[in-house]
Amino acid sequence: MLNENIKIIRKSKGLSQEELAVKLNVVRQTISKWEQGLSVPDADMLISLSEAFETPVSTLLGETIVETKPDELRAVSEKLEVINLQLARRKAAGQKALRWFFLLLCTVTAAIFAVLVALNSPYLGWDYSQPETTVIGVAFHAFEWLFARTAPFVLIGSIVGVCLTWKQV
């Protein structure tokens, strides 16, 4: 059991017998004998092995270990890297769209304000004796009244939104 565990863990860590021997300050043949079951490491060497493998001694002594191939780990890490890149791109695209929305909101608010200033409240001079003119005048007056009260908040909020979504370089 110990010999198999040493071999499986060594391979899963991507170490050769020579590299492990250098870490433990022994010769390569010692590692080979341990893996073949011809000899066993003493207690101090078991602790050194567990430290080199970053694995508990109990795992070395008895727990069965599922062999993981370095190629499988590399494939999984590459897939995770691709997923992380896709998520980062999606987040950046969402942030960019939100920034453009806030910029558009600023522009539209400023444009409506400019139009209202240029028109100088034309509904005050309208002839309200005709029903069509009255309905349009009241609707325009309601829009202007609502816009005058909400536009400052919308403009300030959209400017803050642009600032918060601006990409920091």
N, C-alpha and C. Protein backbone atom coordinates (compact mmCIF):
# COMPACT_ATOMS: atom_id res chain seq x y z
N MET A 1 0.84 -1.19 0.00
CA MET A 1 0.00 0.00 0.00
C MET A 1 0.88 1.25 0.00
N LEU A 2 1.87 1.30 0.91
CA LEU A 2 2.74 2.48 1.00
C LEU A 2 3.51 2.69 -0.30
N ASN A 3 4.02 1.59 -0.87
CA ASN A 3 4.80 1.73 -2.10
C ASN A 3 3.94 2.27 -3.24
N GLU A 4 2.69 1.79 -3.34
CA GLU A 4 1.80 2.26 -4.40
C GLU A 4 1.45 3.74 -4.18
N ASN A 5 1.19 4.11 -2.93
CA ASN A 5 0.84 5.51 -2.63
C ASN A 5 1.99 6.46 -2.96
N ILE A 6 3.20 6.06 -2.63
CA ILE A 6 4.35 6.92 -2.94
C ILE A 6 4.44 7.13 -4.45
N LYS A 7 4.30 6.05 -5.20
CA LYS A 7 4.41 6.13 -6.66
C LYS A 7 3.29 6.98 -7.26
N ILE A 8 2.04 6.76 -6.80
CA ILE A 8 0.90 7.49 -7.34
C ILE A 8 1.02 8.99 -7.04
N ILE A 9 1.36 9.31 -5.79
CA ILE A 9 1.46 10.73 -5.42
C ILE A 9 2.61 11.40 -6.16
N ARG A 10 3.73 10.70 -6.26
CA ARG A 10 4.88 11.27 -6.98
C ARG A 10 4.52 11.60 -8.41
N LYS A 11 3.83 10.67 -9.07
CA LYS A 11 3.45 10.91 -10.47
C LYS A 11 2.41 12.01 -10.58
N SER A 12 1.46 12.06 -9.63
CA SER A 12 0.42 13.10 -9.70
C SER A 12 1.01 14.49 -9.47
N LYS A 13 2.11 14.56 -8.72
CA LYS A 13 2.80 15.84 -8.51
C LYS A 13 3.73 16.18 -9.67
N GLY A 14 3.87 15.24 -10.60
CA GLY A 14 4.71 15.49 -11.77
C GLY A 14 6.20 15.41 -11.47
N LEU A 15 6.56 14.63 -10.46
CA LEU A 15 7.97 14.49 -10.07
C LEU A 15 8.54 13.18 -10.60
N SER A 16 9.79 13.23 -11.00
CA SER A 16 10.48 12.00 -11.35
C SER A 16 11.09 11.43 -10.07
N GLN A 17 11.56 10.19 -10.14
CA GLN A 17 12.23 9.60 -8.97
C GLN A 17 13.45 10.42 -8.60
N GLU A 18 14.17 10.89 -9.59
CA GLU A 18 15.38 11.69 -9.34
C GLU A 18 15.04 13.00 -8.63
N GLU A 19 13.98 13.68 -9.09
CA GLU A 19 13.59 14.96 -8.47
C GLU A 19 13.14 14.76 -7.02
N LEU A 20 12.39 13.70 -6.77
CA LEU A 20 11.98 13.41 -5.40
C LEU A 20 13.18 13.08 -4.53
N ALA A 21 14.11 12.32 -5.09
CA ALA A 21 15.32 11.96 -4.34
C ALA A 21 16.11 13.21 -3.94
N VAL A 22 16.20 14.18 -4.84
CA VAL A 22 16.91 15.42 -4.53
C VAL A 22 16.20 16.17 -3.40
N LYS A 23 14.87 16.20 -3.44
CA LYS A 23 14.10 16.88 -2.39
C LYS A 23 14.32 16.24 -1.02
N LEU A 24 14.48 14.91 -1.03
CA LEU A 24 14.60 14.18 0.24
C LEU A 24 16.05 13.90 0.64
N ASN A 25 16.98 14.32 -0.19
CA ASN A 25 18.41 14.09 0.06
C ASN A 25 18.74 12.59 0.17
N VAL A 26 18.20 11.83 -0.77
CA VAL A 26 18.53 10.40 -0.88
C VAL A 26 18.88 10.13 -2.33
N VAL A 27 19.31 8.90 -2.59
CA VAL A 27 19.63 8.55 -3.97
C VAL A 27 18.38 8.03 -4.66
N ARG A 28 18.37 8.09 -5.98
CA ARG A 28 17.21 7.68 -6.75
C ARG A 28 16.85 6.22 -6.50
N GLN A 29 17.85 5.38 -6.28
CA GLN A 29 17.60 3.96 -6.05
C GLN A 29 16.76 3.72 -4.78
N THR A 30 16.90 4.63 -3.81
CA THR A 30 16.10 4.51 -2.59
C THR A 30 14.62 4.69 -2.90
N ILE A 31 14.32 5.69 -3.73
CA ILE A 31 12.94 5.94 -4.14
C ILE A 31 12.42 4.74 -4.91
N SER A 32 13.24 4.20 -5.80
CA SER A 32 12.85 3.03 -6.60
C SER A 32 12.54 1.83 -5.69
N LYS A 33 13.36 1.61 -4.67
CA LYS A 33 13.13 0.49 -3.74
C LYS A 33 11.84 0.69 -2.95
N TRP A 34 11.55 1.92 -2.56
CA TRP A 34 10.30 2.19 -1.83
C TRP A 34 9.10 1.88 -2.71
N GLU A 35 9.18 2.32 -3.98
CA GLU A 35 8.05 2.13 -4.90
C GLU A 35 7.87 0.66 -5.30
N GLN A 36 8.95 -0.12 -5.28
CA GLN A 36 8.85 -1.55 -5.61
C GLN A 36 8.48 -2.38 -4.38
N GLY A 37 8.49 -1.76 -3.21
CA GLY A 37 8.16 -2.48 -1.98
C GLY A 37 9.32 -3.28 -1.42
N LEU A 38 10.56 -3.01 -1.89
CA LEU A 38 11.73 -3.74 -1.41
C LEU A 38 12.22 -3.19 -0.08
N SER A 39 11.88 -1.93 0.21
CA SER A 39 12.22 -1.34 1.50
C SER A 39 11.16 -0.28 1.82
N VAL A 40 11.19 0.20 3.06
CA VAL A 40 10.23 1.23 3.48
C VAL A 40 10.99 2.37 4.15
N PRO A 41 10.47 3.58 4.02
CA PRO A 41 11.12 4.71 4.68
C PRO A 41 10.88 4.66 6.20
N ASP A 42 11.85 5.18 6.97
CA ASP A 42 11.65 5.24 8.42
C ASP A 42 10.70 6.39 8.77
N ALA A 43 10.42 6.58 10.04
CA ALA A 43 9.43 7.57 10.49
C ALA A 43 9.83 8.98 10.09
N ASP A 44 11.09 9.33 10.25
CA ASP A 44 11.54 10.68 9.86
C ASP A 44 11.40 10.89 8.36
N MET A 45 11.70 9.86 7.59
CA MET A 45 11.60 9.98 6.14
C MET A 45 10.14 10.06 5.70
N LEU A 46 9.22 9.38 6.43
CA LEU A 46 7.80 9.49 6.12
C LEU A 46 7.32 10.93 6.30
N ILE A 47 7.80 11.57 7.34
CA ILE A 47 7.43 12.98 7.57
C ILE A 47 7.99 13.84 6.45
N SER A 48 9.22 13.59 6.07
CA SER A 48 9.83 14.35 4.96
C SER A 48 9.07 14.11 3.66
N LEU A 49 8.65 12.87 3.43
CA LEU A 49 7.87 12.55 2.23
C LEU A 49 6.53 13.30 2.24
N SER A 50 5.85 13.30 3.38
CA SER A 50 4.56 13.99 3.45
C SER A 50 4.73 15.48 3.23
N GLU A 51 5.82 16.05 3.72
CA GLU A 51 6.07 17.48 3.48
C GLU A 51 6.40 17.74 2.01
N ALA A 52 7.17 16.85 1.41
CA ALA A 52 7.53 17.03 0.00
C ALA A 52 6.29 16.90 -0.89
N PHE A 53 5.38 15.99 -0.53
CA PHE A 53 4.16 15.78 -1.31
C PHE A 53 3.02 16.70 -0.89
N GLU A 54 3.21 17.40 0.24
CA GLU A 54 2.15 18.23 0.81
C GLU A 54 0.91 17.38 1.04
N THR A 55 1.12 16.23 1.64
CA THR A 55 0.08 15.23 1.88
C THR A 55 0.24 14.70 3.30
N PRO A 56 -0.85 14.42 4.01
CA PRO A 56 -0.72 13.85 5.37
C PRO A 56 -0.06 12.47 5.34
N VAL A 57 0.62 12.15 6.44
CA VAL A 57 1.28 10.85 6.54
C VAL A 57 0.24 9.73 6.47
N SER A 58 -0.96 9.96 7.01
CA SER A 58 -2.01 8.94 6.98
C SER A 58 -2.36 8.56 5.55
N THR A 59 -2.31 9.52 4.66
CA THR A 59 -2.58 9.24 3.26
C THR A 59 -1.49 8.35 2.68
N LEU A 60 -0.26 8.63 3.06
CA LEU A 60 0.84 7.80 2.58
C LEU A 60 0.74 6.37 3.11
N LEU A 61 0.29 6.22 4.34
CA LEU A 61 0.30 4.90 4.97
C LEU A 61 -0.89 4.01 4.63
N GLY A 62 -2.07 4.62 4.42
CA GLY A 62 -3.17 3.70 4.28
C GLY A 62 -4.30 4.12 3.38
N GLU A 63 -4.57 5.36 3.29
CA GLU A 63 -5.69 5.79 2.48
C GLU A 63 -5.39 5.51 1.02
N THR A 64 -6.34 4.95 0.33
CA THR A 64 -6.12 4.70 -1.09
C THR A 64 -6.19 6.01 -1.85
N ILE A 65 -5.41 6.12 -2.86
CA ILE A 65 -5.27 7.36 -3.61
C ILE A 65 -5.68 7.11 -5.05
N VAL A 66 -6.53 7.97 -5.54
CA VAL A 66 -6.93 7.88 -6.94
C VAL A 66 -5.88 8.62 -7.76
N GLU A 67 -5.37 7.95 -8.72
CA GLU A 67 -4.31 8.54 -9.55
C GLU A 67 -4.89 9.60 -10.47
N THR A 68 -4.33 10.80 -10.41
CA THR A 68 -4.73 11.86 -11.32
C THR A 68 -3.56 12.13 -12.25
N LYS A 69 -3.85 12.15 -13.48
CA LYS A 69 -2.79 12.35 -14.46
C LYS A 69 -2.54 13.83 -14.64
N PRO A 70 -1.27 14.23 -14.77
CA PRO A 70 -0.97 15.65 -14.97
C PRO A 70 -1.65 16.23 -16.21
N ASP A 71 -1.83 15.40 -17.24
CA ASP A 71 -2.48 15.88 -18.46
C ASP A 71 -3.93 16.25 -18.19
N GLU A 72 -4.62 15.45 -17.36
CA GLU A 72 -6.01 15.76 -17.02
C GLU A 72 -6.09 17.07 -16.24
N LEU A 73 -5.17 17.24 -15.30
CA LEU A 73 -5.15 18.48 -14.52
C LEU A 73 -4.88 19.68 -15.42
N ARG A 74 -3.98 19.52 -16.35
CA ARG A 74 -3.66 20.60 -17.27
C ARG A 74 -4.87 20.94 -18.13
N ALA A 75 -5.58 19.90 -18.60
CA ALA A 75 -6.77 20.13 -19.44
C ALA A 75 -7.84 20.86 -18.64
N VAL A 76 -8.05 20.46 -17.40
CA VAL A 76 -9.04 21.13 -16.56
C VAL A 76 -8.64 22.58 -16.30
N SER A 77 -7.37 22.81 -16.02
CA SER A 77 -6.93 24.18 -15.77
C SER A 77 -7.05 25.05 -17.01
N GLU A 78 -6.81 24.47 -18.18
CA GLU A 78 -6.97 25.23 -19.42
C GLU A 78 -8.43 25.58 -19.67
N LYS A 79 -9.34 24.63 -19.37
CA LYS A 79 -10.77 24.91 -19.52
C LYS A 79 -11.21 26.00 -18.56
N LEU A 80 -10.72 25.92 -17.34
CA LEU A 80 -11.06 26.96 -16.36
C LEU A 80 -10.53 28.33 -16.79
N GLU A 81 -9.37 28.35 -17.38
CA GLU A 81 -8.81 29.60 -17.86
C GLU A 81 -9.67 30.19 -18.98
N VAL A 82 -10.13 29.35 -19.88
CA VAL A 82 -11.01 29.80 -20.97
C VAL A 82 -12.31 30.35 -20.39
N ILE A 83 -12.88 29.65 -19.42
CA ILE A 83 -14.13 30.11 -18.80
C ILE A 83 -13.91 31.44 -18.10
N ASN A 84 -12.81 31.58 -17.40
CA ASN A 84 -12.52 32.85 -16.72
C ASN A 84 -12.37 33.99 -17.72
N LEU A 85 -11.73 33.73 -18.84
CA LEU A 85 -11.58 34.77 -19.86
C LEU A 85 -12.94 35.15 -20.44
N GLN A 86 -13.80 34.16 -20.68
CA GLN A 86 -15.13 34.46 -21.20
C GLN A 86 -15.94 35.28 -20.20
N LEU A 87 -15.86 34.92 -18.93
CA LEU A 87 -16.57 35.69 -17.91
C LEU A 87 -16.05 37.11 -17.81
N ALA A 88 -14.74 37.28 -17.92
CA ALA A 88 -14.16 38.62 -17.87
C ALA A 88 -14.62 39.45 -19.06
N ARG A 89 -14.66 38.82 -20.24
CA ARG A 89 -15.13 39.55 -21.43
C ARG A 89 -16.59 39.94 -21.29
N ARG A 90 -17.40 39.01 -20.78
CA ARG A 90 -18.83 39.29 -20.61
C ARG A 90 -19.04 40.43 -19.60
N LYS A 91 -18.26 40.42 -18.54
CA LYS A 91 -18.37 41.47 -17.53
C LYS A 91 -17.95 42.81 -18.13
N ALA A 92 -16.87 42.81 -18.89
CA ALA A 92 -16.41 44.06 -19.52
C ALA A 92 -17.44 44.57 -20.53
N ALA A 93 -18.04 43.66 -21.29
CA ALA A 93 -19.06 44.08 -22.26
C ALA A 93 -20.28 44.65 -21.55
N GLY A 94 -20.69 44.03 -20.45
CA GLY A 94 -21.82 44.55 -19.68
C GLY A 94 -21.53 45.91 -19.10
N GLN A 95 -20.31 46.08 -18.61
CA GLN A 95 -19.92 47.37 -18.05
C GLN A 95 -19.87 48.43 -19.15
N LYS A 96 -19.40 48.07 -20.32
CA LYS A 96 -19.34 49.01 -21.43
C LYS A 96 -20.75 49.41 -21.87
N ALA A 97 -21.66 48.44 -21.95
CA ALA A 97 -23.04 48.74 -22.33
C ALA A 97 -23.71 49.65 -21.31
N LEU A 98 -23.46 49.39 -20.05
CA LEU A 98 -24.02 50.23 -18.99
C LEU A 98 -23.48 51.65 -19.07
N ARG A 99 -22.18 51.77 -19.35
CA ARG A 99 -21.57 53.10 -19.48
C ARG A 99 -22.20 53.86 -20.65
N TRP A 100 -22.42 53.18 -21.79
CA TRP A 100 -23.04 53.84 -22.94
C TRP A 100 -24.49 54.22 -22.65
N PHE A 101 -25.20 53.39 -21.87
CA PHE A 101 -26.55 53.74 -21.47
C PHE A 101 -26.56 55.03 -20.65
N PHE A 102 -25.64 55.13 -19.68
CA PHE A 102 -25.58 56.34 -18.86
C PHE A 102 -25.19 57.56 -19.69
N LEU A 103 -24.26 57.38 -20.63
CA LEU A 103 -23.89 58.49 -21.51
C LEU A 103 -25.08 58.94 -22.35
N LEU A 104 -25.83 57.99 -22.89
CA LEU A 104 -27.02 58.30 -23.67
C LEU A 104 -28.06 59.01 -22.81
N LEU A 105 -28.22 58.57 -21.59
CA LEU A 105 -29.18 59.20 -20.68
C LEU A 105 -28.78 60.65 -20.39
N CYS A 106 -27.49 60.90 -20.20
CA CYS A 106 -27.00 62.28 -20.00
C CYS A 106 -27.32 63.13 -21.23
N THR A 107 -27.01 62.59 -22.40
CA THR A 107 -27.22 63.33 -23.65
C THR A 107 -28.69 63.63 -23.88
N VAL A 108 -29.54 62.63 -23.68
CA VAL A 108 -30.98 62.83 -23.89
C VAL A 108 -31.53 63.85 -22.90
N THR A 109 -31.12 63.78 -21.66
CA THR A 109 -31.58 64.74 -20.65
C THR A 109 -31.16 66.15 -21.02
N ALA A 110 -29.91 66.32 -21.42
CA ALA A 110 -29.42 67.64 -21.81
C ALA A 110 -30.15 68.15 -23.06
N ALA A 111 -30.40 67.25 -24.02
CA ALA A 111 -31.09 67.66 -25.25
C ALA A 111 -32.53 68.09 -24.96
N ILE A 112 -33.24 67.34 -24.13
CA ILE A 112 -34.61 67.72 -23.78
C ILE A 112 -34.62 69.05 -23.04
N PHE A 113 -33.68 69.24 -22.15
CA PHE A 113 -33.59 70.50 -21.43
C PHE A 113 -33.36 71.65 -22.41
N ALA A 114 -32.46 71.44 -23.38
CA ALA A 114 -32.17 72.50 -24.36
C ALA A 114 -33.41 72.81 -25.19
N VAL A 115 -34.17 71.79 -25.57
CA VAL A 115 -35.39 72.01 -26.36
C VAL A 115 -36.41 72.79 -25.53
N LEU A 116 -36.57 72.43 -24.29
CA LEU A 116 -37.54 73.13 -23.44
C LEU A 116 -37.14 74.59 -23.21
N VAL A 117 -35.87 74.84 -23.06
CA VAL A 117 -35.41 76.22 -22.90
C VAL A 117 -35.64 77.00 -24.20
N ALA A 118 -35.36 76.37 -25.33
CA ALA A 118 -35.54 77.04 -26.61
C ALA A 118 -37.02 77.35 -26.89
N LEU A 119 -37.91 76.43 -26.50
CA LEU A 119 -39.34 76.64 -26.72
C LEU A 119 -39.95 77.65 -25.75
N ASN A 120 -39.29 77.85 -24.63
CA ASN A 120 -39.72 78.85 -23.65
C ASN A 120 -41.19 78.63 -23.23
N SER A 121 -41.54 77.41 -22.85
CA SER A 121 -42.88 77.04 -22.38
C SER A 121 -43.97 77.54 -23.33
N PRO A 122 -44.07 77.01 -24.53
CA PRO A 122 -45.03 77.50 -25.52
C PRO A 122 -46.49 77.23 -25.14
N TYR A 123 -46.75 76.30 -24.25
CA TYR A 123 -48.13 75.98 -23.91
C TYR A 123 -48.83 77.14 -23.21
N LEU A 124 -48.07 78.07 -22.64
CA LEU A 124 -48.70 79.21 -21.96
C LEU A 124 -49.41 80.13 -22.95
N GLY A 125 -48.96 80.19 -24.19
CA GLY A 125 -49.58 81.05 -25.20
C GLY A 125 -50.57 80.33 -26.09
N TRP A 126 -50.87 79.09 -25.82
CA TRP A 126 -51.78 78.33 -26.67
C TRP A 126 -53.24 78.71 -26.43
N ASP A 127 -54.01 78.48 -27.46
CA ASP A 127 -55.45 78.74 -27.38
C ASP A 127 -56.12 77.49 -26.82
N TYR A 128 -56.62 77.60 -25.61
CA TYR A 128 -57.22 76.45 -24.94
C TYR A 128 -58.72 76.32 -25.22
N SER A 129 -59.22 77.12 -26.14
CA SER A 129 -60.65 77.03 -26.46
C SER A 129 -60.94 75.82 -27.35
N GLN A 130 -59.94 75.34 -28.05
CA GLN A 130 -60.13 74.16 -28.89
C GLN A 130 -59.68 72.91 -28.11
N PRO A 131 -60.45 71.85 -28.13
CA PRO A 131 -60.15 70.67 -27.32
C PRO A 131 -58.79 70.03 -27.65
N GLU A 132 -58.43 69.96 -28.96
CA GLU A 132 -57.15 69.34 -29.32
C GLU A 132 -55.98 70.10 -28.73
N THR A 133 -56.04 71.42 -28.82
CA THR A 133 -54.97 72.26 -28.30
C THR A 133 -54.91 72.15 -26.78
N THR A 134 -56.05 72.06 -26.14
CA THR A 134 -56.10 71.97 -24.68
C THR A 134 -55.43 70.68 -24.21
N VAL A 135 -55.75 69.56 -24.82
CA VAL A 135 -55.18 68.27 -24.42
C VAL A 135 -53.67 68.28 -24.63
N ILE A 136 -53.23 68.76 -25.78
CA ILE A 136 -51.79 68.81 -26.07
C ILE A 136 -51.09 69.75 -25.11
N GLY A 137 -51.70 70.92 -24.83
CA GLY A 137 -51.10 71.89 -23.91
C GLY A 137 -50.97 71.34 -22.51
N VAL A 138 -52.00 70.67 -22.02
CA VAL A 138 -51.95 70.08 -20.67
C VAL A 138 -50.91 68.96 -20.63
N ALA A 139 -50.87 68.11 -21.65
CA ALA A 139 -49.89 67.03 -21.69
C ALA A 139 -48.46 67.59 -21.73
N PHE A 140 -48.24 68.61 -22.53
CA PHE A 140 -46.92 69.23 -22.62
C PHE A 140 -46.54 69.87 -21.29
N HIS A 141 -47.50 70.55 -20.67
CA HIS A 141 -47.26 71.18 -19.37
C HIS A 141 -46.92 70.12 -18.31
N ALA A 142 -47.63 68.97 -18.31
CA ALA A 142 -47.35 67.90 -17.36
C ALA A 142 -45.96 67.31 -17.60
N PHE A 143 -45.60 67.13 -18.86
CA PHE A 143 -44.27 66.61 -19.18
C PHE A 143 -43.19 67.56 -18.69
N GLU A 144 -43.37 68.85 -18.99
CA GLU A 144 -42.37 69.84 -18.59
C GLU A 144 -42.26 69.90 -17.08
N TRP A 145 -43.39 69.86 -16.38
CA TRP A 145 -43.37 69.92 -14.92
C TRP A 145 -42.64 68.70 -14.35
N LEU A 146 -42.95 67.51 -14.85
CA LEU A 146 -42.31 66.29 -14.37
C LEU A 146 -40.82 66.27 -14.73
N PHE A 147 -40.50 66.71 -15.94
CA PHE A 147 -39.10 66.74 -16.37
C PHE A 147 -38.28 67.69 -15.50
N ALA A 148 -38.84 68.87 -15.20
CA ALA A 148 -38.11 69.87 -14.41
C ALA A 148 -37.80 69.35 -13.01
N ARG A 149 -38.65 68.46 -12.48
CA ARG A 149 -38.42 67.94 -11.13
C ARG A 149 -37.52 66.71 -11.11
N THR A 150 -37.53 65.92 -12.17
CA THR A 150 -36.73 64.69 -12.17
C THR A 150 -35.40 64.81 -12.91
N ALA A 151 -35.28 65.75 -13.83
CA ALA A 151 -34.08 65.86 -14.66
C ALA A 151 -32.80 66.04 -13.85
N PRO A 152 -32.78 66.88 -12.81
CA PRO A 152 -31.51 67.01 -12.07
C PRO A 152 -31.06 65.68 -11.46
N PHE A 153 -32.00 64.92 -10.92
CA PHE A 153 -31.64 63.63 -10.32
C PHE A 153 -31.17 62.64 -11.39
N VAL A 154 -31.85 62.64 -12.52
CA VAL A 154 -31.47 61.74 -13.61
C VAL A 154 -30.09 62.11 -14.14
N LEU A 155 -29.84 63.39 -14.31
CA LEU A 155 -28.56 63.85 -14.84
C LEU A 155 -27.42 63.53 -13.87
N ILE A 156 -27.62 63.84 -12.60
CA ILE A 156 -26.57 63.55 -11.61
C ILE A 156 -26.35 62.04 -11.50
N GLY A 157 -27.45 61.27 -11.47
CA GLY A 157 -27.31 59.81 -11.40
C GLY A 157 -26.59 59.23 -12.60
N SER A 158 -26.89 59.73 -13.78
CA SER A 158 -26.23 59.19 -14.97
C SER A 158 -24.76 59.61 -15.03
N ILE A 159 -24.44 60.80 -14.56
CA ILE A 159 -23.02 61.21 -14.51
C ILE A 159 -22.26 60.34 -13.53
N VAL A 160 -22.86 60.07 -12.36
CA VAL A 160 -22.22 59.18 -11.40
C VAL A 160 -22.07 57.78 -12.00
N GLY A 161 -23.11 57.30 -12.71
CA GLY A 161 -23.05 56.00 -13.36
C GLY A 161 -21.91 55.91 -14.38
N VAL A 162 -21.74 56.98 -15.16
CA VAL A 162 -20.64 57.00 -16.15
C VAL A 162 -19.30 56.93 -15.42
N CYS A 163 -19.17 57.70 -14.35
CA CYS A 163 -17.91 57.70 -13.60
C CYS A 163 -17.62 56.34 -12.98
N LEU A 164 -18.64 55.68 -12.46
CA LEU A 164 -18.44 54.39 -11.81
C LEU A 164 -18.16 53.27 -12.80
N THR A 165 -18.68 53.38 -14.01
CA THR A 165 -18.47 52.33 -15.00
C THR A 165 -17.28 52.60 -15.92
N TRP A 166 -16.66 53.73 -15.75
CA TRP A 166 -15.50 54.06 -16.60
C TRP A 166 -14.37 53.12 -16.26
N LYS A 167 -13.79 52.51 -17.25
CA LYS A 167 -12.75 51.52 -17.04
C LYS A 167 -11.48 52.21 -16.54
N GLN A 168 -11.00 51.72 -15.40
CA GLN A 168 -9.76 52.24 -14.83
C GLN A 168 -8.58 51.55 -15.51
N VAL A 169 -7.68 52.33 -16.05
CA VAL A 169 -6.54 51.77 -16.76
C VAL A 169 -5.30 51.87 -15.92
